[in-house]
Amino acid sequence: MGVERRRFIQLGLAGTAAYLAGCTDAPTAALEESPAEKLPQGPLVLSTWDHGLPANERAWEVMRAGGSVLDAVEQGVMVVESDLSNRSVGLGGLPDRDGHVTLDACIQDHDGRAGSVAFLQRFEHPISIARAVMERTPHVMLAGAGAERWALENGFSTRDVQIPEVQAAWQKWLERGEYKPVANIENHDTIGMVAMDAQGRLAGSCTTSGMAYKVHGRVGDSPIIGAGLFVDGEAGAACATGVGELVIRVAGSHTVVELMRQGRSPAEACKEAVLRIQRKHKDLKDMQVGFLAIRADGAYGGYALRDGFSYAVHTAQGNELVPSAFG
């Protein structure tokens, strides 16, 4: 199927309506802000990549059943964490260069409370441990063996997963031992989710198994508040996906939210964060970064470094995959 035809199908009726209303970006994407009267009313969920579609469905179900927006962003990404066919999130992810699958996650609510875990092994739902860190400790982030011990002490259990396909891929990689990122493949494709409930409250989550064949101990942007995720109920929420080092160096999601606070539209704010990455790095060949954002008034948008990034949008009109603006 041709790229343009696929994009048209992915955009769908809801995505087309949102675009015509000025609430999101077209594939080549003008960045104009929509009139306030045409902004989405009621619940809204955005998440990264194709795996955002089932995650959005679950998040929407949670809010429809009366759950909080924080519950929604946690349970939404849990769907992807449990999908053992996913090679960039959860226990099914590709390992580091030593053969270990290590997991990172964070969560943040409307009021800025945050929890994060990094470098976890053998836990199915790092996002739930991150939420527990937020709610049960005075800290924001726990990492490595200490985080694993704390999780066990607080009722979380480990799960051992052996996936022959993943083991074979790692063994093949060992033959040359080179890391070469390729844009838009499940190598560094986090799931990030930001959502707004009917009362205008925001929350966000982010979870990943990180770069395939990374150095053992590497942590990317996904568990870092302000990089992979940032939520401030006064201004908006943003999340990132792609090569985490690029996002960390510009405090990407925080940058997007602060630009919205200053009056930028979500798409404009996401674009400026991408432009900062471009200005600070000479060689971005084969690398991808994408940002998603919801402003406090319900406007939303995204922007990516290059073509190929798509995100899932769930509104009252349905759940659709939308190709991001890029440049």
Protein backbone atom coordinates (compact mmCIF):
# COMPACT_ATOMS: atom_id res chain seq x y z
CA MET A 1 0.00 0.00 0.00
CA GLY A 2 1.41 3.41 -0.94
CA VAL A 3 2.46 5.78 1.81
CA GLU A 4 -0.08 8.47 0.97
CA ARG A 5 -2.93 5.96 0.68
CA ARG A 6 -1.94 4.37 3.99
CA ARG A 7 -1.87 7.78 5.64
CA PHE A 8 -5.32 8.62 4.31
CA ILE A 9 -6.73 5.39 5.68
CA GLN A 10 -4.99 5.85 9.03
CA LEU A 11 -6.26 9.40 9.36
CA GLY A 12 -9.86 8.20 9.10
CA LEU A 13 -13.02 10.19 9.69
CA ALA A 14 -12.17 11.33 13.20
CA GLY A 15 -8.66 12.36 12.25
CA THR A 16 -9.92 14.18 9.17
CA ALA A 17 -12.53 16.01 11.23
CA ALA A 18 -9.88 17.01 13.76
CA TYR A 19 -7.63 18.28 11.00
CA LEU A 20 -10.40 20.27 9.34
CA ALA A 21 -11.23 21.74 12.75
CA GLY A 22 -7.58 22.78 13.06
CA CYS A 23 -7.01 20.62 16.15
CA THR A 24 -4.22 18.48 14.78
CA ASP A 25 -1.67 18.32 11.99
CA ALA A 26 -2.03 17.19 8.40
CA PRO A 27 0.69 14.90 6.97
CA THR A 28 2.66 17.88 5.65
CA ALA A 29 0.99 19.87 8.33
CA ALA A 30 0.27 23.49 8.62
CA LEU A 31 0.78 24.52 12.23
CA GLU A 32 -2.03 27.05 12.63
CA GLU A 33 -3.89 27.09 15.92
CA SER A 34 -7.57 26.22 15.87
CA PRO A 35 -10.32 28.55 17.10
CA ALA A 36 -11.18 27.94 20.73
CA GLU A 37 -14.77 26.98 19.96
CA LYS A 38 -13.52 24.08 17.84
CA LEU A 39 -11.19 22.57 20.40
CA PRO A 40 -12.07 19.05 21.59
CA GLN A 41 -14.49 18.88 24.48
CA GLY A 42 -14.41 16.00 26.94
CA PRO A 43 -11.91 13.16 27.19
CA LEU A 44 -8.89 13.00 24.90
CA VAL A 45 -6.08 10.42 24.71
CA LEU A 46 -2.91 10.62 22.61
CA SER A 47 -0.21 7.97 22.41
CA THR A 48 2.75 7.13 20.21
CA TRP A 49 2.93 4.69 17.30
CA ASP A 50 0.61 1.91 16.16
CA HIS A 51 0.67 0.24 19.56
CA GLY A 52 -1.02 3.39 20.83
CA LEU A 53 -4.34 2.25 19.36
CA PRO A 54 -5.01 -0.62 21.82
CA ALA A 55 -3.48 1.46 24.62
CA ASN A 56 -5.89 4.30 23.85
CA GLU A 57 -8.85 1.92 23.83
CA ARG A 58 -8.04 0.75 27.33
CA ALA A 59 -7.43 4.28 28.62
CA TRP A 60 -10.75 5.39 27.16
CA GLU A 61 -12.58 2.46 28.79
CA VAL A 62 -11.09 3.38 32.17
CA MET A 63 -12.30 6.99 31.97
CA ARG A 64 -15.70 5.97 30.59
CA ALA A 65 -16.12 3.65 33.60
CA GLY A 66 -15.39 6.50 36.01
CA GLY A 67 -11.68 5.97 36.54
CA SER A 68 -9.32 8.90 36.88
CA VAL A 69 -7.16 10.17 34.05
CA LEU A 70 -4.17 8.91 36.06
CA ASP A 71 -5.71 5.43 36.15
CA ALA A 72 -6.28 5.72 32.41
CA VAL A 73 -2.69 6.52 31.44
CA GLU A 74 -1.38 3.77 33.69
CA GLN A 75 -3.73 1.05 32.49
CA GLY A 76 -3.51 2.17 28.88
CA VAL A 77 0.22 1.57 28.54
CA MET A 78 -0.02 -1.63 30.60
CA VAL A 79 -1.68 -3.18 27.55
CA VAL A 80 1.51 -2.65 25.57
CA GLU A 81 3.76 -3.74 28.44
CA SER A 82 1.92 -7.09 28.45
CA ASP A 83 2.24 -7.61 24.69
CA LEU A 84 5.15 -10.04 24.38
CA SER A 85 5.21 -9.55 20.62
CA ASN A 86 6.30 -5.94 21.12
CA ARG A 87 10.06 -5.52 20.72
CA SER A 88 10.43 -2.03 22.21
CA VAL A 89 8.23 -2.13 25.32
CA GLY A 90 7.94 -4.61 28.16
CA LEU A 91 9.45 -8.03 28.74
CA GLY A 92 9.18 -8.87 25.05
CA GLY A 93 11.63 -6.11 24.20
CA LEU A 94 15.02 -6.66 22.59
CA PRO A 95 17.84 -6.95 25.14
CA ASP A 96 20.93 -4.89 25.83
CA ARG A 97 24.31 -6.04 24.49
CA ASP A 98 24.74 -8.36 27.50
CA GLY A 99 21.45 -10.11 26.77
CA HIS A 100 19.35 -8.48 29.51
CA VAL A 101 15.96 -6.84 28.95
CA THR A 102 15.90 -3.73 31.12
CA LEU A 103 12.84 -1.55 31.56
CA ASP A 104 12.21 2.15 32.24
CA ALA A 105 8.94 3.96 32.98
CA CYS A 106 7.47 7.12 34.47
CA ILE A 107 4.08 8.64 35.25
CA GLN A 108 2.93 12.16 36.19
CA ASP A 109 -0.38 13.69 37.20
CA HIS A 110 -2.15 17.02 36.70
CA ASP A 111 -0.54 18.55 39.78
CA GLY A 112 2.98 17.53 38.81
CA ARG A 113 3.37 14.59 41.18
CA ALA A 114 5.67 12.08 39.50
CA GLY A 115 7.09 8.60 39.86
CA SER A 116 9.76 6.82 37.88
CA VAL A 117 11.75 3.60 37.69
CA ALA A 118 14.84 2.83 35.64
CA PHE A 119 16.93 -0.22 34.82
CA LEU A 120 14.40 -2.76 36.10
CA GLN A 121 14.52 -6.43 35.12
CA ARG A 122 11.83 -9.13 35.19
CA PHE A 123 8.81 -6.98 36.13
CA GLU A 124 5.86 -7.02 33.76
CA HIS A 125 4.50 -3.57 34.63
CA PRO A 126 7.18 -0.99 35.42
CA ILE A 127 4.55 1.74 34.95
CA SER A 128 2.67 0.48 38.00
CA ILE A 129 5.87 0.43 40.05
CA ALA A 130 6.53 4.01 38.93
CA ARG A 131 3.07 5.02 40.15
CA ALA A 132 3.70 3.28 43.46
CA VAL A 133 6.97 5.21 43.85
CA MET A 134 4.98 8.41 43.34
CA GLU A 135 2.27 7.50 45.82
CA ARG A 136 4.16 5.57 48.50
CA THR A 137 7.56 7.27 48.78
CA PRO A 138 8.91 10.82 49.09
CA HIS A 139 11.02 10.18 45.97
CA VAL A 140 10.52 10.55 42.24
CA MET A 141 12.89 7.91 40.84
CA LEU A 142 14.20 4.52 41.93
CA ALA A 143 16.67 2.56 39.83
CA GLY A 144 18.29 -0.83 39.40
CA ALA A 145 18.63 -3.37 42.18
CA GLY A 146 17.27 -0.98 44.79
CA ALA A 147 14.13 -0.37 42.77
CA GLU A 148 13.68 -4.10 42.26
CA ARG A 149 14.03 -4.80 45.97
CA TRP A 150 11.58 -2.02 46.82
CA ALA A 151 9.09 -3.37 44.28
CA LEU A 152 9.24 -6.87 45.77
CA GLU A 153 8.79 -5.45 49.27
CA ASN A 154 5.72 -3.56 48.07
CA GLY A 155 3.82 -6.44 46.55
CA PHE A 156 5.08 -6.57 42.97
CA SER A 157 6.24 -9.92 41.62
CA THR A 158 8.75 -10.86 38.96
CA ARG A 159 8.04 -12.77 35.77
CA ASP A 160 10.58 -14.78 33.82
CA VAL A 161 10.03 -14.67 30.06
CA GLN A 162 12.08 -16.51 27.46
CA ILE A 163 11.34 -15.64 23.83
CA PRO A 164 13.32 -17.73 21.31
CA GLU A 165 12.96 -15.07 18.59
CA VAL A 166 14.50 -12.43 20.83
CA GLN A 167 17.32 -14.72 21.93
CA ALA A 168 18.10 -15.60 18.31
CA ALA A 169 18.15 -11.93 17.29
CA TRP A 170 20.60 -11.13 20.08
CA GLN A 171 22.86 -14.03 19.15
CA LYS A 172 22.90 -12.80 15.55
CA TRP A 173 23.71 -9.27 16.70
CA LEU A 174 26.66 -10.60 18.70
CA GLU A 175 28.32 -11.75 15.49
CA ARG A 176 29.21 -8.13 14.69
CA GLY A 177 28.27 -6.24 17.84
CA GLU A 178 27.45 -2.95 16.15
CA TYR A 179 24.72 -0.52 17.11
CA LYS A 180 23.20 1.28 14.15
CA PRO A 181 19.90 3.07 14.78
CA VAL A 182 17.31 2.92 12.03
CA ALA A 183 14.46 5.41 12.12
CA ASN A 184 10.89 4.23 12.68
CA ILE A 185 11.62 0.63 13.62
CA GLU A 186 10.89 -1.00 16.96
CA ASN A 187 14.31 -0.34 18.35
CA HIS A 188 13.71 2.84 20.29
CA ASP A 189 9.95 3.22 19.93
CA THR A 190 8.64 3.95 23.40
CA ILE A 191 4.97 4.18 24.16
CA GLY A 192 4.24 7.61 25.56
CA MET A 193 0.68 8.62 26.45
CA VAL A 194 -0.88 11.93 27.47
CA ALA A 195 -4.57 12.31 28.28
CA MET A 196 -7.23 14.76 29.44
CA ASP A 197 -10.49 13.85 31.19
CA ALA A 198 -13.88 15.55 30.86
CA GLN A 199 -12.98 17.95 33.68
CA GLY A 200 -9.80 19.07 31.93
CA ARG A 201 -7.40 17.21 34.22
CA LEU A 202 -4.21 15.93 32.60
CA ALA A 203 -1.88 12.98 33.16
CA GLY A 204 0.82 11.16 31.25
CA SER A 205 2.84 7.95 31.19
CA CYS A 206 5.83 6.54 29.37
CA THR A 207 7.31 3.02 29.30
CA THR A 208 9.96 1.22 27.26
CA SER A 209 12.55 -1.52 27.07
CA GLY A 210 14.87 1.02 25.51
CA MET A 211 17.32 0.75 22.66
CA ALA A 212 18.10 -2.73 21.44
CA TYR A 213 21.68 -3.82 22.24
CA LYS A 214 22.41 -0.73 24.32
CA VAL A 215 25.29 -0.71 26.79
CA HIS A 216 24.19 -2.54 29.94
CA GLY A 217 23.06 0.15 32.38
CA ARG A 218 21.98 2.69 29.75
CA VAL A 219 18.89 4.71 30.62
CA GLY A 220 17.12 6.81 28.00
CA ASP A 221 14.60 9.62 28.21
CA SER A 222 11.55 7.49 29.02
CA PRO A 223 11.82 7.51 32.83
CA ILE A 224 13.12 11.08 33.07
CA ILE A 225 10.52 13.66 34.05
CA GLY A 226 11.00 16.62 31.74
CA ALA A 227 12.58 14.55 28.98
CA GLY A 228 10.34 11.64 27.97
CA LEU A 229 7.31 13.07 29.78
CA PHE A 230 6.16 16.28 31.42
CA VAL A 231 2.75 17.26 32.78
CA ASP A 232 1.71 20.60 34.24
CA GLY A 233 -2.02 21.10 34.61
CA GLU A 234 -1.63 24.86 34.22
CA ALA A 235 -0.05 24.60 30.76
CA GLY A 236 -0.32 21.13 29.25
CA ALA A 237 1.29 17.73 28.84
CA ALA A 238 3.84 16.31 26.43
CA CYS A 239 5.65 13.05 25.76
CA ALA A 240 8.45 11.95 23.45
CA THR A 241 9.59 8.92 21.50
CA GLY A 242 12.67 8.06 19.50
CA VAL A 243 16.37 8.31 20.35
CA GLY A 244 16.33 9.23 24.02
CA GLU A 245 19.72 10.90 24.15
CA LEU A 246 18.51 13.53 21.70
CA VAL A 247 15.44 14.24 23.84
CA ILE A 248 17.36 14.42 27.12
CA ARG A 249 19.79 17.03 25.78
CA VAL A 250 17.00 19.54 25.18
CA ALA A 251 14.73 18.51 28.11
CA GLY A 252 12.29 17.82 25.31
CA SER A 253 8.89 17.33 26.91
CA HIS A 254 9.45 20.12 29.43
CA THR A 255 10.45 22.39 26.55
CA VAL A 256 7.21 21.61 24.73
CA VAL A 257 5.06 22.35 27.78
CA GLU A 258 6.86 25.60 28.55
CA LEU A 259 6.43 26.76 24.96
CA MET A 260 2.70 26.09 25.22
CA ARG A 261 2.67 28.09 28.45
CA GLN A 262 4.16 30.96 26.47
CA GLY A 263 1.35 30.80 23.92
CA ARG A 264 2.54 28.37 21.25
CA SER A 265 0.11 25.84 19.82
CA PRO A 266 0.90 22.19 20.62
CA ALA A 267 2.18 21.54 17.09
CA GLU A 268 4.31 24.69 17.12
CA ALA A 269 5.78 23.76 20.49
CA CYS A 270 6.59 20.22 19.33
CA LYS A 271 8.19 21.60 16.17
CA GLU A 272 10.40 24.02 18.11
CA ALA A 273 11.65 21.16 20.31
CA VAL A 274 12.57 19.22 17.16
CA LEU A 275 14.31 22.28 15.69
CA ARG A 276 16.42 22.62 18.84
CA ILE A 277 17.53 19.02 18.42
CA GLN A 278 18.44 19.72 14.81
CA ARG A 279 20.44 22.80 15.75
CA LYS A 280 22.45 20.97 18.38
CA HIS A 281 23.35 17.82 16.42
CA LYS A 282 25.29 17.67 13.16
CA ASP A 283 24.43 14.12 12.08
CA LEU A 284 20.89 12.88 12.61
CA LYS A 285 20.88 10.37 9.77
CA ASP A 286 18.65 7.37 10.50
CA MET A 287 17.49 8.89 13.81
CA GLN A 288 13.94 9.77 14.76
CA VAL A 289 12.35 11.81 17.51
CA GLY A 290 8.66 12.60 17.86
CA PHE A 291 6.73 14.72 20.34
CA LEU A 292 3.03 14.75 21.26
CA ALA A 293 1.29 17.45 23.28
CA ILE A 294 -2.05 18.46 24.76
CA ARG A 295 -2.49 22.09 25.81
CA ALA A 296 -4.51 22.89 28.92
CA ASP A 297 -7.46 24.04 26.78
CA GLY A 298 -7.65 20.71 24.92
CA ALA A 299 -5.79 21.60 21.73
CA TYR A 300 -3.37 18.88 20.66
CA GLY A 301 -0.70 18.15 18.08
CA GLY A 302 2.60 16.48 17.29
CA TYR A 303 5.77 16.90 15.30
CA ALA A 304 8.68 14.65 14.32
CA LEU A 305 12.22 14.90 13.07
CA ARG A 306 11.42 12.96 9.90
CA ASP A 307 8.61 11.20 8.08
CA GLY A 308 7.24 7.96 9.50
CA PHE A 309 6.08 8.88 13.01
CA SER A 310 2.38 8.34 13.64
CA TYR A 311 0.32 8.70 16.78
CA ALA A 312 -3.04 7.44 18.02
CA VAL A 313 -5.78 9.93 18.90
CA HIS A 314 -8.91 8.90 20.81
CA THR A 315 -11.77 11.39 21.05
CA ALA A 316 -15.53 10.94 21.31
CA GLN A 317 -15.50 10.43 17.53
CA GLY A 318 -13.27 7.36 17.70
CA ASN A 319 -9.71 6.09 17.87
CA GLU A 320 -7.50 6.81 14.85
CA LEU A 321 -3.85 6.66 13.80
CA VAL A 322 -2.62 10.03 12.52
CA PRO A 323 0.61 10.69 10.59
CA SER A 324 2.64 13.38 12.29
CA ALA A 325 3.92 16.56 10.74
CA PHE A 326 7.69 16.46 10.31
CA GLY A 327 10.59 18.45 8.98
